[in-house]
N, C-alpha and C. Protein backbone atom coordinates (compact mmCIF):
# COMPACT_ATOMS: atom_id res chain seq x y z
N UNK A 1 -74.30 20.10 5.86
CA UNK A 1 -73.21 20.82 5.90
C UNK A 1 -72.21 20.12 7.04
N UNK A 2 -72.74 19.74 8.25
CA UNK A 2 -71.91 19.16 9.12
C UNK A 2 -71.12 17.89 8.54
N UNK A 3 -71.75 17.17 7.95
CA UNK A 3 -71.35 15.97 7.23
C UNK A 3 -70.14 16.13 6.34
N UNK A 4 -70.33 17.37 5.61
CA UNK A 4 -69.50 17.72 4.56
C UNK A 4 -68.10 18.19 5.06
N UNK A 5 -68.13 18.77 6.30
CA UNK A 5 -66.79 19.42 6.78
C UNK A 5 -65.86 18.29 7.13
N UNK A 6 -66.07 17.20 7.75
CA UNK A 6 -65.11 16.15 8.10
C UNK A 6 -64.62 15.50 6.80
N UNK A 7 -65.55 15.41 5.57
CA UNK A 7 -65.18 14.72 4.39
C UNK A 7 -64.20 15.68 3.71
N UNK A 8 -64.51 16.93 3.59
CA UNK A 8 -63.69 17.87 3.14
C UNK A 8 -62.37 17.95 3.55
N UNK A 9 -62.31 17.95 5.08
CA UNK A 9 -61.07 17.99 5.79
C UNK A 9 -60.23 16.74 5.49
N UNK A 10 -60.78 15.50 5.33
CA UNK A 10 -60.20 14.31 5.12
C UNK A 10 -59.53 14.47 3.71
N UNK A 11 -60.25 14.99 2.65
CA UNK A 11 -59.83 15.09 1.48
C UNK A 11 -58.67 16.12 1.35
N UNK A 12 -58.73 17.04 2.06
CA UNK A 12 -57.55 18.13 2.03
C UNK A 12 -56.33 17.42 2.68
N UNK A 13 -56.56 16.50 3.78
CA UNK A 13 -55.39 15.93 4.38
C UNK A 13 -54.72 14.99 3.41
N UNK A 14 -55.64 14.17 2.78
CA UNK A 14 -55.19 13.26 1.71
C UNK A 14 -54.28 13.82 0.66
N UNK A 15 -54.91 14.86 0.06
CA UNK A 15 -54.03 15.62 -1.15
C UNK A 15 -52.82 16.22 -0.63
N UNK A 16 -52.73 16.79 0.69
CA UNK A 16 -51.61 17.38 1.22
C UNK A 16 -50.63 16.32 1.48
N UNK A 17 -51.04 15.08 2.06
CA UNK A 17 -49.93 14.18 2.34
C UNK A 17 -49.49 13.63 1.05
N UNK A 18 -50.28 13.68 0.03
CA UNK A 18 -49.79 13.02 -1.36
C UNK A 18 -48.77 14.19 -1.92
N UNK A 19 -49.12 15.33 -1.69
CA UNK A 19 -48.20 16.48 -2.32
C UNK A 19 -46.92 16.45 -1.57
N UNK A 20 -47.14 16.41 -0.24
CA UNK A 20 -45.81 16.48 0.41
C UNK A 20 -44.97 15.16 0.31
N UNK A 21 -45.74 14.09 0.32
CA UNK A 21 -44.96 12.81 0.14
C UNK A 21 -44.22 12.70 -1.18
N UNK A 22 -44.72 13.32 -2.22
CA UNK A 22 -44.04 13.37 -3.45
C UNK A 22 -42.91 14.33 -3.36
N UNK A 23 -43.08 15.40 -2.84
CA UNK A 23 -42.00 16.49 -2.73
C UNK A 23 -40.78 15.91 -1.85
N UNK A 24 -41.11 15.24 -0.96
CA UNK A 24 -40.07 14.65 0.19
C UNK A 24 -39.45 13.31 -0.37
N UNK A 25 -39.86 12.88 -1.42
CA UNK A 25 -39.32 11.43 -1.75
C UNK A 25 -37.77 11.53 -1.92
N UNK A 26 -37.17 10.56 -1.32
CA UNK A 26 -35.66 10.70 -1.49
C UNK A 26 -35.26 10.47 -2.84
N UNK A 27 -34.24 10.93 -3.23
CA UNK A 27 -33.70 10.65 -4.68
C UNK A 27 -33.11 9.16 -4.69
N UNK A 28 -33.21 8.58 -5.78
CA UNK A 28 -32.80 7.20 -6.02
C UNK A 28 -31.31 7.08 -5.51
N UNK A 29 -30.98 5.99 -4.80
CA UNK A 29 -29.61 5.81 -4.41
C UNK A 29 -29.00 5.04 -5.51
N UNK A 30 -27.56 5.39 -5.86
CA UNK A 30 -26.92 4.59 -6.80
C UNK A 30 -26.98 3.06 -6.71
N UNK A 31 -27.06 2.30 -7.67
CA UNK A 31 -27.32 0.94 -7.58
C UNK A 31 -26.04 0.29 -7.16
N UNK A 32 -26.14 -0.79 -6.18
CA UNK A 32 -24.99 -1.17 -5.72
C UNK A 32 -23.93 -1.72 -6.70
N UNK A 33 -22.62 -1.65 -6.31
CA UNK A 33 -21.57 -2.31 -7.31
C UNK A 33 -21.98 -3.79 -7.57
N UNK A 34 -21.90 -4.29 -8.76
CA UNK A 34 -22.18 -5.77 -8.99
C UNK A 34 -21.08 -6.62 -8.24
N UNK A 35 -21.36 -7.60 -7.70
CA UNK A 35 -20.51 -8.52 -7.08
C UNK A 35 -19.28 -8.98 -8.10
N UNK A 36 -18.08 -9.16 -7.62
CA UNK A 36 -16.96 -9.58 -8.24
C UNK A 36 -17.22 -11.11 -8.67
N UNK A 37 -16.89 -11.39 -9.95
CA UNK A 37 -17.20 -12.85 -10.43
C UNK A 37 -15.92 -13.59 -9.93
N UNK A 38 -15.93 -14.79 -9.98
CA UNK A 38 -15.06 -15.77 -9.68
C UNK A 38 -13.72 -15.49 -10.49
N UNK A 39 -13.86 -15.18 -11.82
CA UNK A 39 -12.70 -14.95 -12.55
C UNK A 39 -11.95 -13.86 -12.21
N UNK A 40 -12.80 -12.73 -11.79
CA UNK A 40 -12.28 -11.44 -11.51
C UNK A 40 -11.47 -11.56 -10.11
N UNK A 41 -12.10 -12.52 -9.21
CA UNK A 41 -11.40 -12.70 -8.00
C UNK A 41 -10.10 -13.44 -8.16
N UNK A 42 -10.17 -14.27 -9.10
CA UNK A 42 -8.99 -15.36 -9.30
C UNK A 42 -7.80 -14.34 -9.84
N UNK A 43 -8.17 -13.51 -10.81
CA UNK A 43 -7.18 -12.57 -11.44
C UNK A 43 -6.68 -11.69 -10.19
N UNK A 44 -7.51 -11.21 -9.39
CA UNK A 44 -6.93 -10.33 -8.34
C UNK A 44 -6.14 -10.98 -7.41
N UNK A 45 -6.46 -12.12 -6.90
CA UNK A 45 -5.57 -13.02 -6.07
C UNK A 45 -4.12 -13.23 -6.57
N UNK A 46 -4.18 -13.69 -7.82
CA UNK A 46 -2.76 -13.95 -8.49
C UNK A 46 -2.02 -12.55 -8.50
N UNK A 47 -2.76 -11.57 -8.88
CA UNK A 47 -2.03 -10.25 -9.11
C UNK A 47 -1.54 -9.89 -7.70
N UNK A 48 -2.21 -9.99 -6.62
CA UNK A 48 -1.86 -9.65 -5.36
C UNK A 48 -0.47 -10.42 -4.98
N UNK A 49 -0.60 -11.74 -5.09
CA UNK A 49 0.54 -12.56 -4.94
C UNK A 49 1.64 -12.32 -5.37
N UNK A 50 1.62 -11.82 -6.63
CA UNK A 50 2.70 -11.38 -7.42
C UNK A 50 3.19 -10.05 -6.91
N UNK A 51 2.43 -9.20 -6.60
CA UNK A 51 2.90 -7.99 -5.90
C UNK A 51 3.59 -8.21 -4.74
N UNK A 52 3.18 -9.05 -3.90
CA UNK A 52 3.89 -9.37 -2.63
C UNK A 52 5.27 -10.05 -2.96
N UNK A 53 5.38 -10.89 -3.91
CA UNK A 53 6.74 -11.30 -4.15
C UNK A 53 7.62 -10.22 -4.78
N UNK A 54 6.94 -9.24 -5.55
CA UNK A 54 7.78 -8.08 -5.96
C UNK A 54 8.25 -7.27 -4.76
N UNK A 55 7.31 -7.15 -3.74
CA UNK A 55 7.78 -6.34 -2.60
C UNK A 55 8.60 -6.98 -1.82
N UNK A 56 8.68 -8.28 -1.74
CA UNK A 56 9.81 -8.94 -1.01
C UNK A 56 11.13 -8.63 -1.75
N UNK A 57 11.18 -8.84 -3.07
CA UNK A 57 12.38 -8.46 -3.86
C UNK A 57 12.89 -7.05 -3.62
N UNK A 58 11.94 -6.16 -3.70
CA UNK A 58 12.35 -4.67 -3.54
C UNK A 58 12.17 -4.06 -2.04
N UNK A 59 11.88 -5.17 -1.22
CA UNK A 59 11.91 -4.65 0.41
C UNK A 59 10.74 -3.72 0.58
N UNK A 60 9.84 -3.61 -0.10
CA UNK A 60 8.69 -2.88 0.02
C UNK A 60 7.69 -3.20 1.10
N UNK A 61 8.02 -2.76 2.40
CA UNK A 61 7.10 -3.15 3.41
C UNK A 61 5.76 -2.66 3.29
N UNK A 62 5.49 -1.60 2.82
CA UNK A 62 4.12 -0.91 2.60
C UNK A 62 3.09 -1.82 1.80
N UNK A 63 3.69 -2.59 0.69
CA UNK A 63 2.80 -3.64 0.18
C UNK A 63 2.30 -4.70 1.18
N UNK A 64 3.28 -5.12 1.88
CA UNK A 64 2.84 -6.13 2.99
C UNK A 64 1.88 -5.46 3.95
N UNK A 65 1.96 -4.19 4.29
CA UNK A 65 0.95 -3.53 5.21
C UNK A 65 -0.27 -3.58 4.53
N UNK A 66 -0.40 -3.32 3.19
CA UNK A 66 -1.69 -3.08 2.36
C UNK A 66 -2.31 -4.42 2.06
N UNK A 67 -1.49 -5.42 1.78
CA UNK A 67 -2.17 -6.65 1.27
C UNK A 67 -2.38 -7.85 2.32
N UNK A 68 -1.74 -7.63 3.48
CA UNK A 68 -1.99 -8.65 4.41
C UNK A 68 -3.16 -8.54 5.26
N UNK A 69 -3.88 -9.36 5.60
CA UNK A 69 -5.05 -9.22 6.43
C UNK A 69 -4.38 -8.84 8.01
N UNK A 70 -5.16 -8.16 8.73
CA UNK A 70 -4.77 -7.78 10.20
C UNK A 70 -4.53 -8.99 11.01
N UNK A 71 -5.13 -10.11 10.66
CA UNK A 71 -4.88 -11.44 11.46
C UNK A 71 -3.97 -12.33 10.68
N UNK A 72 -3.26 -12.05 9.60
CA UNK A 72 -2.53 -12.83 8.96
C UNK A 72 -1.39 -13.59 9.75
N UNK A 73 -1.04 -14.82 9.11
CA UNK A 73 -0.02 -15.73 9.75
C UNK A 73 0.90 -16.23 8.79
N UNK A 74 2.14 -15.91 8.93
CA UNK A 74 3.29 -16.16 7.90
C UNK A 74 4.14 -17.34 8.51
N UNK A 75 4.21 -18.52 7.69
CA UNK A 75 5.02 -19.55 8.36
C UNK A 75 6.22 -19.72 7.38
N UNK A 76 7.39 -19.72 8.12
CA UNK A 76 8.51 -19.90 7.27
C UNK A 76 9.49 -20.69 8.12
N UNK A 77 10.84 -20.90 7.77
CA UNK A 77 11.83 -21.64 8.48
C UNK A 77 12.22 -21.16 9.73
N UNK A 78 12.11 -19.74 9.86
CA UNK A 78 12.32 -19.17 11.15
C UNK A 78 11.10 -19.20 12.25
N UNK A 79 10.09 -19.77 11.64
CA UNK A 79 8.88 -19.85 12.69
C UNK A 79 7.66 -19.08 12.17
N UNK A 80 6.55 -18.78 13.03
CA UNK A 80 5.53 -18.23 12.66
C UNK A 80 5.49 -16.68 13.06
N UNK A 81 5.01 -15.76 11.97
CA UNK A 81 4.92 -14.48 12.30
C UNK A 81 3.62 -14.00 12.05
N UNK A 82 3.31 -12.93 12.77
CA UNK A 82 2.02 -12.33 12.62
C UNK A 82 2.21 -11.00 11.51
N UNK A 83 1.24 -10.24 11.45
CA UNK A 83 1.33 -9.27 10.25
C UNK A 83 2.42 -8.22 10.69
N UNK A 84 2.39 -7.82 12.10
CA UNK A 84 3.35 -6.78 12.43
C UNK A 84 4.84 -7.23 12.37
N UNK A 85 5.02 -8.46 12.84
CA UNK A 85 6.29 -9.27 12.75
C UNK A 85 6.72 -9.45 11.20
N UNK A 86 5.88 -9.63 10.38
CA UNK A 86 6.30 -9.97 8.90
C UNK A 86 6.55 -8.57 8.27
N UNK A 87 5.94 -7.52 8.47
CA UNK A 87 6.08 -6.27 8.01
C UNK A 87 7.51 -5.59 8.56
N UNK A 88 7.66 -5.88 9.93
CA UNK A 88 8.97 -5.41 10.46
C UNK A 88 10.27 -6.31 9.78
N UNK A 89 9.91 -7.52 9.52
CA UNK A 89 10.95 -8.40 8.98
C UNK A 89 11.39 -7.96 7.59
N UNK A 90 10.40 -7.55 6.78
CA UNK A 90 10.57 -6.99 5.45
C UNK A 90 11.44 -5.79 5.47
N UNK A 91 11.08 -4.93 6.51
CA UNK A 91 11.78 -3.65 6.64
C UNK A 91 13.36 -3.86 6.99
N UNK A 92 13.61 -4.78 7.72
CA UNK A 92 14.98 -5.02 8.07
C UNK A 92 15.69 -6.22 7.48
N UNK A 93 15.05 -6.64 6.32
CA UNK A 93 15.37 -8.10 5.75
C UNK A 93 16.72 -8.05 5.20
N UNK A 94 17.38 -9.00 5.55
CA UNK A 94 18.85 -9.18 5.01
C UNK A 94 18.87 -10.06 3.79
N UNK A 95 17.79 -9.92 2.81
CA UNK A 95 17.84 -10.64 1.65
C UNK A 95 18.00 -9.99 0.42
N UNK A 96 18.76 -10.59 -0.60
CA UNK A 96 19.17 -9.98 -1.75
C UNK A 96 18.50 -10.90 -2.79
N UNK A 97 17.45 -10.38 -3.37
CA UNK A 97 16.59 -11.25 -4.41
C UNK A 97 17.08 -10.70 -5.82
N UNK A 98 17.66 -11.73 -6.53
CA UNK A 98 18.19 -11.31 -7.88
C UNK A 98 16.82 -11.45 -8.89
N UNK A 99 16.24 -12.69 -8.68
CA UNK A 99 15.17 -12.86 -9.58
C UNK A 99 14.23 -13.91 -8.91
N UNK A 100 13.03 -14.03 -9.50
CA UNK A 100 12.03 -15.09 -9.06
C UNK A 100 11.21 -15.24 -10.27
N UNK A 101 10.32 -16.50 -10.36
CA UNK A 101 9.46 -16.90 -11.30
C UNK A 101 8.41 -17.64 -10.63
N UNK A 102 7.01 -17.38 -10.88
CA UNK A 102 6.02 -18.22 -10.26
C UNK A 102 5.51 -18.98 -11.47
N UNK A 103 5.28 -20.20 -11.20
CA UNK A 103 4.50 -21.03 -12.23
C UNK A 103 3.63 -22.05 -11.71
N UNK A 104 2.88 -22.73 -12.48
CA UNK A 104 1.81 -23.79 -11.91
C UNK A 104 0.86 -23.13 -11.04
N UNK A 105 0.48 -21.86 -11.26
CA UNK A 105 -0.60 -21.20 -10.23
C UNK A 105 -1.74 -21.80 -10.37
N UNK A 106 -2.49 -22.09 -9.25
CA UNK A 106 -3.67 -22.65 -9.23
C UNK A 106 -4.44 -21.82 -7.93
N UNK A 107 -5.74 -21.47 -8.24
CA UNK A 107 -6.54 -20.75 -7.20
C UNK A 107 -7.75 -21.62 -6.98
N UNK A 108 -8.02 -22.23 -5.65
CA UNK A 108 -9.18 -22.96 -5.31
C UNK A 108 -9.91 -22.09 -4.28
N UNK A 109 -11.17 -21.90 -4.68
CA UNK A 109 -12.24 -21.00 -3.82
C UNK A 109 -12.65 -22.00 -2.74
N UNK A 110 -12.45 -21.85 -1.42
CA UNK A 110 -12.97 -22.60 -0.49
C UNK A 110 -14.44 -22.27 -0.18
N UNK A 111 -14.68 -20.94 -0.23
CA UNK A 111 -15.97 -20.36 -0.03
C UNK A 111 -15.86 -19.06 -0.90
N UNK A 112 -17.12 -18.33 -1.04
CA UNK A 112 -17.07 -16.99 -1.69
C UNK A 112 -16.15 -15.95 -1.17
N UNK A 113 -15.71 -16.09 0.11
CA UNK A 113 -14.86 -15.20 0.82
C UNK A 113 -13.44 -15.85 1.02
N UNK A 114 -13.12 -16.98 0.77
CA UNK A 114 -11.88 -17.60 1.18
C UNK A 114 -11.30 -18.39 -0.01
N UNK A 115 -9.94 -18.25 -0.34
CA UNK A 115 -9.37 -18.95 -1.44
C UNK A 115 -7.92 -19.37 -1.05
N UNK A 116 -7.54 -20.43 -1.81
CA UNK A 116 -6.18 -20.98 -1.45
C UNK A 116 -5.44 -20.88 -2.93
N UNK A 117 -4.26 -20.18 -2.93
CA UNK A 117 -3.47 -20.14 -4.11
C UNK A 117 -2.25 -20.92 -4.02
N UNK A 118 -2.01 -21.78 -4.94
CA UNK A 118 -0.67 -22.70 -4.74
C UNK A 118 0.01 -22.53 -5.94
N UNK A 119 1.26 -22.64 -5.84
CA UNK A 119 2.27 -22.60 -7.07
C UNK A 119 3.69 -22.98 -6.73
N UNK A 120 4.34 -22.83 -7.93
CA UNK A 120 5.82 -23.24 -7.76
C UNK A 120 6.62 -21.91 -7.91
N UNK A 121 7.68 -21.64 -7.20
CA UNK A 121 8.59 -20.44 -7.34
C UNK A 121 9.92 -20.80 -7.42
N UNK A 122 10.41 -20.33 -8.46
CA UNK A 122 11.85 -20.63 -8.71
C UNK A 122 12.60 -19.13 -8.28
N UNK A 123 13.64 -19.26 -7.52
CA UNK A 123 14.26 -17.94 -6.91
C UNK A 123 15.57 -17.91 -6.97
N UNK A 124 16.21 -16.81 -7.20
CA UNK A 124 17.53 -16.73 -7.10
C UNK A 124 17.97 -15.62 -5.95
N UNK A 125 18.00 -16.03 -4.81
CA UNK A 125 17.99 -14.99 -3.59
C UNK A 125 19.09 -15.69 -2.46
N UNK A 126 19.68 -14.73 -1.84
CA UNK A 126 20.37 -15.07 -0.41
C UNK A 126 19.84 -14.29 0.57
N UNK A 127 19.67 -14.95 1.73
CA UNK A 127 19.13 -14.30 2.85
C UNK A 127 20.20 -14.49 4.00
N UNK A 128 20.66 -13.39 4.55
CA UNK A 128 21.66 -13.50 5.92
C UNK A 128 22.67 -14.36 5.30
N UNK A 129 23.29 -14.25 3.94
CA UNK A 129 24.35 -14.68 3.57
C UNK A 129 24.16 -16.19 3.06
N UNK A 130 23.04 -16.74 3.21
CA UNK A 130 22.68 -18.13 2.84
C UNK A 130 21.78 -18.17 1.63
N UNK A 131 22.02 -19.02 0.59
CA UNK A 131 21.24 -19.19 -0.47
C UNK A 131 19.92 -19.65 -0.16
N UNK A 132 18.78 -18.88 -0.65
CA UNK A 132 17.43 -19.42 -0.44
C UNK A 132 17.32 -20.71 -1.27
N UNK A 133 16.30 -21.45 -0.84
CA UNK A 133 16.14 -22.86 -1.67
C UNK A 133 15.73 -22.14 -3.26
N UNK A 134 16.39 -22.90 -4.20
CA UNK A 134 16.22 -22.37 -5.53
C UNK A 134 14.77 -22.54 -6.03
N UNK A 135 14.02 -23.66 -5.53
CA UNK A 135 12.66 -23.78 -5.82
C UNK A 135 11.84 -24.20 -4.68
N UNK A 136 10.79 -23.71 -4.54
CA UNK A 136 9.80 -23.91 -3.31
C UNK A 136 8.44 -24.24 -3.87
N UNK A 137 7.56 -24.97 -3.26
CA UNK A 137 6.23 -24.98 -3.30
C UNK A 137 5.72 -24.07 -2.37
N UNK A 138 4.73 -23.23 -2.92
CA UNK A 138 4.19 -22.16 -1.92
C UNK A 138 2.58 -22.43 -1.93
N UNK A 139 2.04 -21.71 -0.85
CA UNK A 139 0.58 -21.59 -0.79
C UNK A 139 0.26 -20.36 0.05
N UNK A 140 -0.95 -19.79 -0.36
CA UNK A 140 -1.18 -18.51 0.43
C UNK A 140 -2.66 -18.56 0.52
N UNK A 141 -3.35 -18.34 1.69
CA UNK A 141 -4.72 -18.42 2.03
C UNK A 141 -5.15 -16.91 1.81
N UNK A 142 -6.26 -16.56 1.16
CA UNK A 142 -6.65 -15.34 0.94
C UNK A 142 -8.21 -15.32 1.50
N UNK A 143 -8.52 -14.06 2.21
CA UNK A 143 -9.75 -13.86 2.64
C UNK A 143 -10.38 -12.59 1.87
N UNK A 144 -11.56 -12.42 1.78
CA UNK A 144 -12.24 -11.28 1.32
C UNK A 144 -12.98 -10.38 2.46
N UNK A 145 -12.36 -9.33 2.77
CA UNK A 145 -12.76 -8.45 3.79
C UNK A 145 -13.03 -7.06 3.20
N UNK A 146 -14.13 -6.51 3.58
CA UNK A 146 -14.65 -5.20 2.93
C UNK A 146 -14.35 -5.01 1.52
N UNK A 147 -14.85 -6.16 0.65
CA UNK A 147 -14.77 -6.06 -0.62
C UNK A 147 -13.36 -6.27 -1.24
N UNK A 148 -12.33 -6.53 -0.34
CA UNK A 148 -10.95 -6.67 -1.00
C UNK A 148 -10.40 -8.01 -0.58
N UNK A 149 -9.55 -8.57 -1.39
CA UNK A 149 -8.99 -9.90 -1.20
C UNK A 149 -7.58 -9.73 -0.50
N UNK A 150 -7.27 -10.15 0.65
CA UNK A 150 -6.06 -9.95 1.50
C UNK A 150 -5.53 -11.41 1.67
N UNK A 151 -4.07 -11.29 1.75
CA UNK A 151 -3.47 -12.45 2.20
C UNK A 151 -3.53 -12.71 3.65
N UNK A 152 -4.15 -13.92 3.99
CA UNK A 152 -4.25 -14.17 5.44
C UNK A 152 -3.15 -15.22 5.94
N UNK A 153 -2.58 -15.97 5.07
CA UNK A 153 -1.48 -16.73 5.55
C UNK A 153 -0.61 -17.05 4.32
N UNK A 154 0.67 -17.43 4.51
CA UNK A 154 1.67 -17.92 3.54
C UNK A 154 2.60 -18.90 4.19
N UNK A 155 2.84 -19.98 3.15
CA UNK A 155 3.84 -20.90 3.69
C UNK A 155 4.61 -21.46 2.35
N UNK A 156 5.81 -21.82 2.63
CA UNK A 156 6.81 -22.31 1.60
C UNK A 156 7.41 -23.61 2.07
N UNK A 157 7.55 -24.48 1.08
CA UNK A 157 8.28 -25.88 1.34
C UNK A 157 9.39 -25.96 0.14
N UNK A 158 10.55 -26.07 0.59
CA UNK A 158 11.49 -26.31 -0.44
C UNK A 158 11.22 -27.55 -1.27
N UNK A 159 11.32 -27.39 -2.69
CA UNK A 159 11.08 -28.56 -3.46
C UNK A 159 12.23 -29.54 -3.35
N UNK A 160 11.82 -30.82 -3.65
CA UNK A 160 12.94 -31.80 -3.73
C UNK A 160 13.73 -31.85 -4.89
N UNK A 161 15.01 -31.96 -4.91
CA UNK A 161 15.90 -31.79 -6.10
C UNK A 161 16.16 -33.23 -6.55
N UNK A 162 16.30 -33.22 -7.89
CA UNK A 162 16.31 -34.80 -8.54
C UNK A 162 17.75 -35.02 -8.58
């Protein structure tokens, strides 16, 4: 009988741990969202760049607040600006943008979390009483942070006229 008590106690413990283990098993967590494909990323980057141009036209600083990375750097004829300066510039911008058109758009992925978009922009705009260059070649660097593509840098070069 003495030998059976430890055996019976061990069996009871095993069955109890199995029963409690099954009852306390966590519910399955939702499967993670599938990673964004390269084509989806490309489409999102182009769409975001177009949103930023439209925000420039409509003087919508909130779009710049949303789509620029915290450490973004904007390079223009007035110099270099960080995100705070760029957003403030849009808020008090003295530009009148009648129209713009982006063409020759190309997205180059540098890594899975960094991309460069290049394109040609035709624009009809005046800033502070001066005509903006009618055509520029532009580039923007994008970084993927927290699952979102954000503009980290932007630069424009006036196109040569023939």
